[in-house]
Amino acid sequence: MNKDQAYHQIALACLKTLRESNAGESKDAAQELYDTIDQAFQGQFALVLAELEDSKQRLNLINQLDPQRHSIADAQAIINANGTAH
């Protein structure tokens, strides 16, 4: 996921909260928006952590390849394997 996608998801969550909040109570609406931003940010951060863990596992697999038995194509196959759910 790139930065633009993450920002877009957070912005959509904020817009939804603004549409659904009670405009008459601005303090509560502001807190609701802050909570939404926090929750959306945590969700995006979790995706980044998942991608980081996936990359770490792939690098470990590549590191374990025996140069006498494996080629660069084997490393590329590990890199290009579909493994992330997002």
PDB file of N, CA and C in Angstrom:
ATOM      1  N   MET A   1       0.857  -1.172   0.000  1.00  0.00           N
ATOM      2  CA  MET A   1       0.000   0.000   0.000  1.00  0.00           C
ATOM      3  C   MET A   1       0.904   1.237   0.000  1.00  0.00           C
ATOM      4  N   ASN A   2       0.569   2.188  -0.840  1.00  0.00           N
ATOM      5  CA  ASN A   2       1.373   3.404  -0.868  1.00  0.00           C
ATOM      6  C   ASN A   2       0.738   4.494  -0.005  1.00  0.00           C
ATOM      7  N   LYS A   3       1.477   5.575   0.159  1.00  0.00           N
ATOM      8  CA  LYS A   3       1.036   6.673   1.030  1.00  0.00           C
ATOM      9  C   LYS A   3      -0.295   7.264   0.575  1.00  0.00           C
ATOM     10  N   ASP A   4      -0.484   7.434  -0.720  1.00  0.00           N
ATOM     11  CA  ASP A   4      -1.730   8.013  -1.224  1.00  0.00           C
ATOM     12  C   ASP A   4      -2.931   7.142  -0.882  1.00  0.00           C
ATOM     13  N   GLN A   5      -2.769   5.831  -0.996  1.00  0.00           N
ATOM     14  CA  GLN A   5      -3.860   4.919  -0.654  1.00  0.00           C
ATOM     15  C   GLN A   5      -4.179   5.002   0.837  1.00  0.00           C
ATOM     16  N   ALA A   6      -3.139   5.047   1.666  1.00  0.00           N
ATOM     17  CA  ALA A   6      -3.345   5.130   3.115  1.00  0.00           C
ATOM     18  C   ALA A   6      -4.060   6.429   3.477  1.00  0.00           C
ATOM     19  N   TYR A   7      -3.616   7.554   2.918  1.00  0.00           N
ATOM     20  CA  TYR A   7      -4.255   8.837   3.200  1.00  0.00           C
ATOM     21  C   TYR A   7      -5.712   8.833   2.730  1.00  0.00           C
ATOM     22  N   HIS A   8      -5.937   8.218   1.583  1.00  0.00           N
ATOM     23  CA  HIS A   8      -7.296   8.154   1.048  1.00  0.00           C
ATOM     24  C   HIS A   8      -8.223   7.392   1.993  1.00  0.00           C
ATOM     25  N   GLN A   9      -7.763   6.270   2.513  1.00  0.00           N
ATOM     26  CA  GLN A   9      -8.571   5.480   3.443  1.00  0.00           C
ATOM     27  C   GLN A   9      -8.869   6.263   4.722  1.00  0.00           C
ATOM     28  N   ILE A  10      -7.878   6.967   5.230  1.00  0.00           N
ATOM     29  CA  ILE A  10      -8.074   7.777   6.438  1.00  0.00           C
ATOM     30  C   ILE A  10      -9.049   8.918   6.151  1.00  0.00           C
ATOM     31  N   ALA A  11      -8.898   9.566   4.999  1.00  0.00           N
ATOM     32  CA  ALA A  11      -9.803  10.667   4.633  1.00  0.00           C
ATOM     33  C   ALA A  11     -11.241  10.173   4.497  1.00  0.00           C
ATOM     34  N   LEU A  12     -11.426   9.007   3.900  1.00  0.00           N
ATOM     35  CA  LEU A  12     -12.775   8.464   3.775  1.00  0.00           C
ATOM     36  C   LEU A  12     -13.400   8.197   5.141  1.00  0.00           C
ATOM     37  N   ALA A  13     -12.615   7.672   6.066  1.00  0.00           N
ATOM     38  CA  ALA A  13     -13.118   7.422   7.420  1.00  0.00           C
ATOM     39  C   ALA A  13     -13.509   8.737   8.087  1.00  0.00           C
ATOM     40  N   CYS A  14     -12.701   9.766   7.893  1.00  0.00           N
ATOM     41  CA  CYS A  14     -13.010  11.083   8.481  1.00  0.00           C
ATOM     42  C   CYS A  14     -14.282  11.670   7.878  1.00  0.00           C
ATOM     43  N   LEU A  15     -14.414  11.603   6.576  1.00  0.00           N
ATOM     44  CA  LEU A  15     -15.611  12.138   5.928  1.00  0.00           C
ATOM     45  C   LEU A  15     -16.871  11.411   6.392  1.00  0.00           C
ATOM     46  N   LYS A  16     -16.775  10.102   6.539  1.00  0.00           N
ATOM     47  CA  LYS A  16     -17.924   9.336   7.025  1.00  0.00           C
ATOM     48  C   LYS A  16     -18.304   9.781   8.430  1.00  0.00           C
ATOM     49  N   THR A  17     -17.315   9.971   9.289  1.00  0.00           N
ATOM     50  CA  THR A  17     -17.584  10.415  10.659  1.00  0.00           C
ATOM     51  C   THR A  17     -18.205  11.802  10.672  1.00  0.00           C
ATOM     52  N   LEU A  18     -17.705  12.699   9.836  1.00  0.00           N
ATOM     53  CA  LEU A  18     -18.256  14.049   9.778  1.00  0.00           C
ATOM     54  C   LEU A  18     -19.708  14.033   9.301  1.00  0.00           C
ATOM     55  N   ARG A  19     -20.015  13.196   8.332  1.00  0.00           N
ATOM     56  CA  ARG A  19     -21.386  13.098   7.837  1.00  0.00           C
ATOM     57  C   ARG A  19     -22.329  12.539   8.893  1.00  0.00           C
ATOM     58  N   GLU A  20     -21.833  11.588   9.686  1.00  0.00           N
ATOM     59  CA  GLU A  20     -22.689  10.897  10.644  1.00  0.00           C
ATOM     60  C   GLU A  20     -22.714  11.534  12.034  1.00  0.00           C
ATOM     61  N   SER A  21     -21.828  12.488  12.297  1.00  0.00           N
ATOM     62  CA  SER A  21     -21.755  13.068  13.638  1.00  0.00           C
ATOM     63  C   SER A  21     -22.868  14.091  13.859  1.00  0.00           C
ATOM     64  N   ASN A  22     -23.134  14.349  15.122  1.00  0.00           N
ATOM     65  CA  ASN A  22     -24.126  15.344  15.516  1.00  0.00           C
ATOM     66  C   ASN A  22     -23.448  16.710  15.494  1.00  0.00           C
ATOM     67  N   ALA A  23     -23.784  17.541  14.513  1.00  0.00           N
ATOM     68  CA  ALA A  23     -23.121  18.838  14.332  1.00  0.00           C
ATOM     69  C   ALA A  23     -23.406  19.805  15.479  1.00  0.00           C
ATOM     70  N   GLY A  24     -24.456  19.559  16.243  1.00  0.00           N
ATOM     71  CA  GLY A  24     -24.816  20.465  17.330  1.00  0.00           C
ATOM     72  C   GLY A  24     -23.848  20.412  18.505  1.00  0.00           C
ATOM     73  N   GLU A  25     -23.179  19.347  18.686  1.00  0.00           N
ATOM     74  CA  GLU A  25     -22.243  19.210  19.808  1.00  0.00           C
ATOM     75  C   GLU A  25     -20.826  19.124  19.256  1.00  0.00           C
ATOM     76  N   SER A  26     -20.216  20.276  19.047  1.00  0.00           N
ATOM     77  CA  SER A  26     -18.930  20.328  18.352  1.00  0.00           C
ATOM     78  C   SER A  26     -17.813  19.640  19.126  1.00  0.00           C
ATOM     79  N   LYS A  27     -17.837  19.717  20.475  1.00  0.00           N
ATOM     80  CA  LYS A  27     -16.780  19.063  21.253  1.00  0.00           C
ATOM     81  C   LYS A  27     -16.835  17.550  21.053  1.00  0.00           C
ATOM     82  N   ASP A  28     -18.046  16.985  21.106  1.00  0.00           N
ATOM     83  CA  ASP A  28     -18.197  15.552  20.887  1.00  0.00           C
ATOM     84  C   ASP A  28     -17.853  15.170  19.452  1.00  0.00           C
ATOM     85  N   ALA A  29     -18.235  16.015  18.501  1.00  0.00           N
ATOM     86  CA  ALA A  29     -17.939  15.741  17.098  1.00  0.00           C
ATOM     87  C   ALA A  29     -16.434  15.758  16.866  1.00  0.00           C
ATOM     88  N   ALA A  30     -15.747  16.700  17.491  1.00  0.00           N
ATOM     89  CA  ALA A  30     -14.295  16.775  17.344  1.00  0.00           C
ATOM     90  C   ALA A  30     -13.642  15.533  17.933  1.00  0.00           C
ATOM     91  N   GLN A  31     -14.090  15.112  19.098  1.00  0.00           N
ATOM     92  CA  GLN A  31     -13.519  13.917  19.723  1.00  0.00           C
ATOM     93  C   GLN A  31     -13.805  12.680  18.879  1.00  0.00           C
ATOM     94  N   GLU A  32     -15.005  12.634  18.315  1.00  0.00           N
ATOM     95  CA  GLU A  32     -15.368  11.515  17.442  1.00  0.00           C
ATOM     96  C   GLU A  32     -14.458  11.479  16.222  1.00  0.00           C
ATOM     97  N   LEU A  33     -14.159  12.648  15.671  1.00  0.00           N
ATOM     98  CA  LEU A  33     -13.260  12.729  14.528  1.00  0.00           C
ATOM     99  C   LEU A  33     -11.844  12.313  14.916  1.00  0.00           C
ATOM    100  N   TYR A  34     -11.359  12.774  16.062  1.00  0.00           N
ATOM    101  CA  TYR A  34     -10.035  12.372  16.535  1.00  0.00           C
ATOM    102  C   TYR A  34      -9.959  10.861  16.703  1.00  0.00           C
ATOM    103  N   ASP A  35     -11.011  10.272  17.269  1.00  0.00           N
ATOM    104  CA  ASP A  35     -11.044   8.822  17.463  1.00  0.00           C
ATOM    105  C   ASP A  35     -11.020   8.089  16.125  1.00  0.00           C
ATOM    106  N   THR A  36     -11.752   8.632  15.152  1.00  0.00           N
ATOM    107  CA  THR A  36     -11.780   8.033  13.818  1.00  0.00           C
ATOM    108  C   THR A  36     -10.413   8.106  13.160  1.00  0.00           C
ATOM    109  N   ILE A  37      -9.760   9.252  13.272  1.00  0.00           N
ATOM    110  CA  ILE A  37      -8.417   9.413  12.706  1.00  0.00           C
ATOM    111  C   ILE A  37      -7.468   8.421  13.349  1.00  0.00           C
ATOM    112  N   ASP A  38      -7.528   8.301  14.676  1.00  0.00           N
ATOM    113  CA  ASP A  38      -6.658   7.376  15.388  1.00  0.00           C
ATOM    114  C   ASP A  38      -6.904   5.939  14.946  1.00  0.00           C
ATOM    115  N   GLN A  39      -8.157   5.556  14.864  1.00  0.00           N
ATOM    116  CA  GLN A  39      -8.508   4.193  14.472  1.00  0.00           C
ATOM    117  C   GLN A  39      -8.073   3.913  13.026  1.00  0.00           C
ATOM    118  N   ALA A  40      -8.319   4.857  12.124  1.00  0.00           N
ATOM    119  CA  ALA A  40      -7.924   4.682  10.726  1.00  0.00           C
ATOM    120  C   ALA A  40      -6.401   4.615  10.594  1.00  0.00           C
ATOM    121  N   PHE A  41      -5.696   5.465  11.333  1.00  0.00           N
ATOM    122  CA  PHE A  41      -4.238   5.446  11.294  1.00  0.00           C
ATOM    123  C   PHE A  41      -3.714   4.099  11.799  1.00  0.00           C
ATOM    124  N   GLN A  42      -4.287   3.605  12.890  1.00  0.00           N
ATOM    125  CA  GLN A  42      -3.848   2.313  13.421  1.00  0.00           C
ATOM    126  C   GLN A  42      -4.095   1.184  12.421  1.00  0.00           C
ATOM    127  N   GLY A  43      -5.208   1.260  11.706  1.00  0.00           N
ATOM    128  CA  GLY A  43      -5.491   0.266  10.677  1.00  0.00           C
ATOM    129  C   GLY A  43      -4.473   0.303   9.556  1.00  0.00           C
ATOM    130  N   GLN A  44      -4.118   1.503   9.117  1.00  0.00           N
ATOM    131  CA  GLN A  44      -3.119   1.634   8.055  1.00  0.00           C
ATOM    132  C   GLN A  44      -1.740   1.201   8.548  1.00  0.00           C
ATOM    133  N   PHE A  45      -1.432   1.523   9.789  1.00  0.00           N
ATOM    134  CA  PHE A  45      -0.150   1.124  10.371  1.00  0.00           C
ATOM    135  C   PHE A  45      -0.052  -0.393  10.447  1.00  0.00           C
ATOM    136  N   ALA A  46      -1.152  -1.058  10.766  1.00  0.00           N
ATOM    137  CA  ALA A  46      -1.168  -2.517  10.821  1.00  0.00           C
ATOM    138  C   ALA A  46      -0.865  -3.113   9.447  1.00  0.00           C
ATOM    139  N   LEU A  47      -1.386  -2.488   8.401  1.00  0.00           N
ATOM    140  CA  LEU A  47      -1.098  -2.962   7.047  1.00  0.00           C
ATOM    141  C   LEU A  47       0.384  -2.808   6.716  1.00  0.00           C
ATOM    142  N   VAL A  48       0.966  -1.690   7.114  1.00  0.00           N
ATOM    143  CA  VAL A  48       2.393  -1.461   6.867  1.00  0.00           C
ATOM    144  C   VAL A  48       3.229  -2.503   7.619  1.00  0.00           C
ATOM    145  N   LEU A  49       2.848  -2.783   8.859  1.00  0.00           N
ATOM    146  CA  LEU A  49       3.567  -3.799   9.631  1.00  0.00           C
ATOM    147  C   LEU A  49       3.456  -5.177   8.986  1.00  0.00           C
ATOM    148  N   ALA A  50       2.286  -5.498   8.450  1.00  0.00           N
ATOM    149  CA  ALA A  50       2.108  -6.781   7.779  1.00  0.00           C
ATOM    150  C   ALA A  50       2.992  -6.869   6.539  1.00  0.00           C
ATOM    151  N   GLU A  51       3.064  -5.783   5.786  1.00  0.00           N
ATOM    152  CA  GLU A  51       3.929  -5.755   4.604  1.00  0.00           C
ATOM    153  C   GLU A  51       5.395  -5.876   5.006  1.00  0.00           C
ATOM    154  N   LEU A  52       5.771  -5.220   6.087  1.00  0.00           N
ATOM    155  CA  LEU A  52       7.145  -5.302   6.578  1.00  0.00           C
ATOM    156  C   LEU A  52       7.491  -6.733   6.982  1.00  0.00           C
ATOM    157  N   GLU A  53       6.580  -7.395   7.690  1.00  0.00           N
ATOM    158  CA  GLU A  53       6.811  -8.781   8.110  1.00  0.00           C
ATOM    159  C   GLU A  53       6.922  -9.705   6.904  1.00  0.00           C
ATOM    160  N   ASP A  54       6.073  -9.482   5.903  1.00  0.00           N
ATOM    161  CA  ASP A  54       6.138 -10.280   4.681  1.00  0.00           C
ATOM    162  C   ASP A  54       7.485 -10.088   3.985  1.00  0.00           C
ATOM    163  N   SER A  55       7.941  -8.860   3.905  1.00  0.00           N
ATOM    164  CA  SER A  55       9.236  -8.576   3.275  1.00  0.00           C
ATOM    165  C   SER A  55      10.373  -9.226   4.055  1.00  0.00           C
ATOM    166  N   LYS A  56      10.292  -9.166   5.368  1.00  0.00           N
ATOM    167  CA  LYS A  56      11.315  -9.791   6.211  1.00  0.00           C
ATOM    168  C   LYS A  56      11.372 -11.303   5.961  1.00  0.00           C
ATOM    169  N   GLN A  57      10.223 -11.942   5.884  1.00  0.00           N
ATOM    170  CA  GLN A  57      10.183 -13.383   5.640  1.00  0.00           C
ATOM    171  C   GLN A  57      10.759 -13.727   4.272  1.00  0.00           C
ATOM    172  N   ARG A  58      10.440 -12.918   3.277  1.00  0.00           N
ATOM    173  CA  ARG A  58      10.977 -13.162   1.932  1.00  0.00           C
ATOM    174  C   ARG A  58      12.500 -13.007   1.912  1.00  0.00           C
ATOM    175  N   LEU A  59      12.998 -11.983   2.590  1.00  0.00           N
ATOM    176  CA  LEU A  59      14.448 -11.789   2.641  1.00  0.00           C
ATOM    177  C   LEU A  59      15.134 -12.944   3.367  1.00  0.00           C
ATOM    178  N   ASN A  60      14.506 -13.442   4.423  1.00  0.00           N
ATOM    179  CA  ASN A  60      15.072 -14.592   5.128  1.00  0.00           C
ATOM    180  C   ASN A  60      15.114 -15.825   4.229  1.00  0.00           C
ATOM    181  N   LEU A  61      14.056 -16.039   3.443  1.00  0.00           N
ATOM    182  CA  LEU A  61      14.054 -17.164   2.507  1.00  0.00           C
ATOM    183  C   LEU A  61      15.156 -17.019   1.459  1.00  0.00           C
ATOM    184  N   ILE A  62      15.322 -15.820   0.949  1.00  0.00           N
ATOM    185  CA  ILE A  62      16.377 -15.569  -0.038  1.00  0.00           C
ATOM    186  C   ILE A  62      17.748 -15.792   0.593  1.00  0.00           C
ATOM    187  N   ASN A  63      17.905 -15.341   1.825  1.00  0.00           N
ATOM    188  CA  ASN A  63      19.181 -15.514   2.524  1.00  0.00           C
ATOM    189  C   ASN A  63      19.527 -16.991   2.708  1.00  0.00           C
ATOM    190  N   GLN A  64      18.524 -17.840   2.833  1.00  0.00           N
ATOM    191  CA  GLN A  64      18.753 -19.267   3.052  1.00  0.00           C
ATOM    192  C   GLN A  64      19.057 -20.039   1.764  1.00  0.00           C
ATOM    193  N   LEU A  65      18.914 -19.388   0.630  1.00  0.00           N
ATOM    194  CA  LEU A  65      19.215 -20.071  -0.633  1.00  0.00           C
ATOM    195  C   LEU A  65      20.698 -20.404  -0.727  1.00  0.00           C
ATOM    196  N   ASP A  66      20.987 -21.584  -1.199  1.00  0.00           N
ATOM    197  CA  ASP A  66      22.371 -22.020  -1.397  1.00  0.00           C
ATOM    198  C   ASP A  66      22.831 -21.526  -2.767  1.00  0.00           C
ATOM    199  N   PRO A  67      23.855 -20.675  -2.822  1.00  0.00           N
ATOM    200  CA  PRO A  67      24.305 -20.128  -4.107  1.00  0.00           C
ATOM    201  C   PRO A  67      24.780 -21.215  -5.077  1.00  0.00           C
ATOM    202  N   GLN A  68      25.168 -22.365  -4.551  1.00  0.00           N
ATOM    203  CA  GLN A  68      25.621 -23.458  -5.418  1.00  0.00           C
ATOM    204  C   GLN A  68      24.450 -24.176  -6.098  1.00  0.00           C
ATOM    205  N   ARG A  69      23.271 -24.088  -5.492  1.00  0.00           N
ATOM    206  CA  ARG A  69      22.115 -24.820  -6.015  1.00  0.00           C
ATOM    207  C   ARG A  69      21.018 -23.915  -6.551  1.00  0.00           C
ATOM    208  N   HIS A  70      21.057 -22.647  -6.210  1.00  0.00           N
ATOM    209  CA  HIS A  70      19.979 -21.732  -6.602  1.00  0.00           C
ATOM    210  C   HIS A  70      20.508 -20.582  -7.453  1.00  0.00           C
ATOM    211  N   SER A  71      19.621 -20.064  -8.267  1.00  0.00           N
ATOM    212  CA  SER A  71      19.986 -18.953  -9.148  1.00  0.00           C
ATOM    213  C   SER A  71      19.264 -17.682  -8.719  1.00  0.00           C
ATOM    214  N   ILE A  72      19.574 -16.608  -9.391  1.00  0.00           N
ATOM    215  CA  ILE A  72      18.884 -15.341  -9.143  1.00  0.00           C
ATOM    216  C   ILE A  72      17.398 -15.488  -9.456  1.00  0.00           C
ATOM    217  N   ALA A  73      17.065 -16.361 -10.383  1.00  0.00           N
ATOM    218  CA  ALA A  73      15.657 -16.595 -10.716  1.00  0.00           C
ATOM    219  C   ALA A  73      14.901 -17.170  -9.517  1.00  0.00           C
ATOM    220  N   ASP A  74      15.568 -17.975  -8.714  1.00  0.00           N
ATOM    221  CA  ASP A  74      14.923 -18.514  -7.510  1.00  0.00           C
ATOM    222  C   ASP A  74      14.609 -17.387  -6.524  1.00  0.00           C
ATOM    223  N   ALA A  75      15.544 -16.481  -6.363  1.00  0.00           N
ATOM    224  CA  ALA A  75      15.323 -15.336  -5.471  1.00  0.00           C
ATOM    225  C   ALA A  75      14.197 -14.454  -6.016  1.00  0.00           C
ATOM    226  N   GLN A  76      14.186 -14.250  -7.320  1.00  0.00           N
ATOM    227  CA  GLN A  76      13.128 -13.441  -7.925  1.00  0.00           C
ATOM    228  C   GLN A  76      11.761 -14.108  -7.759  1.00  0.00           C
ATOM    229  N   ALA A  77      11.718 -15.422  -7.814  1.00  0.00           N
ATOM    230  CA  ALA A  77      10.455 -16.138  -7.620  1.00  0.00           C
ATOM    231  C   ALA A  77       9.920 -15.913  -6.207  1.00  0.00           C
ATOM    232  N   ILE A  78      10.818 -15.880  -5.229  1.00  0.00           N
ATOM    233  CA  ILE A  78      10.406 -15.603  -3.848  1.00  0.00           C
ATOM    234  C   ILE A  78       9.867 -14.176  -3.742  1.00  0.00           C
ATOM    235  N   ILE A  79      10.561 -13.249  -4.366  1.00  0.00           N
ATOM    236  CA  ILE A  79      10.147 -11.845  -4.316  1.00  0.00           C
ATOM    237  C   ILE A  79       8.781 -11.650  -4.966  1.00  0.00           C
ATOM    238  N   ASN A  80       8.557 -12.319  -6.099  1.00  0.00           N
ATOM    239  CA  ASN A  80       7.340 -12.090  -6.875  1.00  0.00           C
ATOM    240  C   ASN A  80       6.155 -12.955  -6.465  1.00  0.00           C
ATOM    241  N   ALA A  81       6.352 -13.869  -5.514  1.00  0.00           N
ATOM    242  CA  ALA A  81       5.246 -14.726  -5.078  1.00  0.00           C
ATOM    243  C   ALA A  81       4.164 -13.886  -4.413  1.00  0.00           C
ATOM    244  N   ASN A  82       2.922 -14.181  -4.721  1.00  0.00           N
ATOM    245  CA  ASN A  82       1.800 -13.465  -4.106  1.00  0.00           C
ATOM    246  C   ASN A  82       1.603 -14.010  -2.709  1.00  0.00           C
ATOM    247  N   GLY A  83       1.755 -13.110  -1.711  1.00  0.00           N
ATOM    248  CA  GLY A  83       1.605 -13.565  -0.347  1.00  0.00           C
ATOM    249  C   GLY A  83       0.872 -12.596   0.534  1.00  0.00           C
ATOM    250  N   THR A  84       0.648 -11.376   0.075  1.00  0.00           N
ATOM    251  CA  THR A  84      -0.018 -10.399   0.918  1.00  0.00           C
ATOM    252  C   THR A  84      -1.496 -10.365   0.590  1.00  0.00           C
ATOM    253  N   ALA A  85      -2.298 -10.108   1.617  1.00  0.00           N
ATOM    254  CA  ALA A  85      -3.743 -10.106   1.440  1.00  0.00           C
ATOM    255  C   ALA A  85      -4.308  -8.718   1.175  1.00  0.00           C
ATOM    256  N   HIS A  86      -3.465  -7.724   0.982  1.00  0.00           N
ATOM    257  CA  HIS A  86      -3.990  -6.369   0.764  1.00  0.00           C
ATOM    258  C   HIS A  86      -3.340  -5.716  -0.393  1.00  0.00           C
TER     259      HIS A  86
END
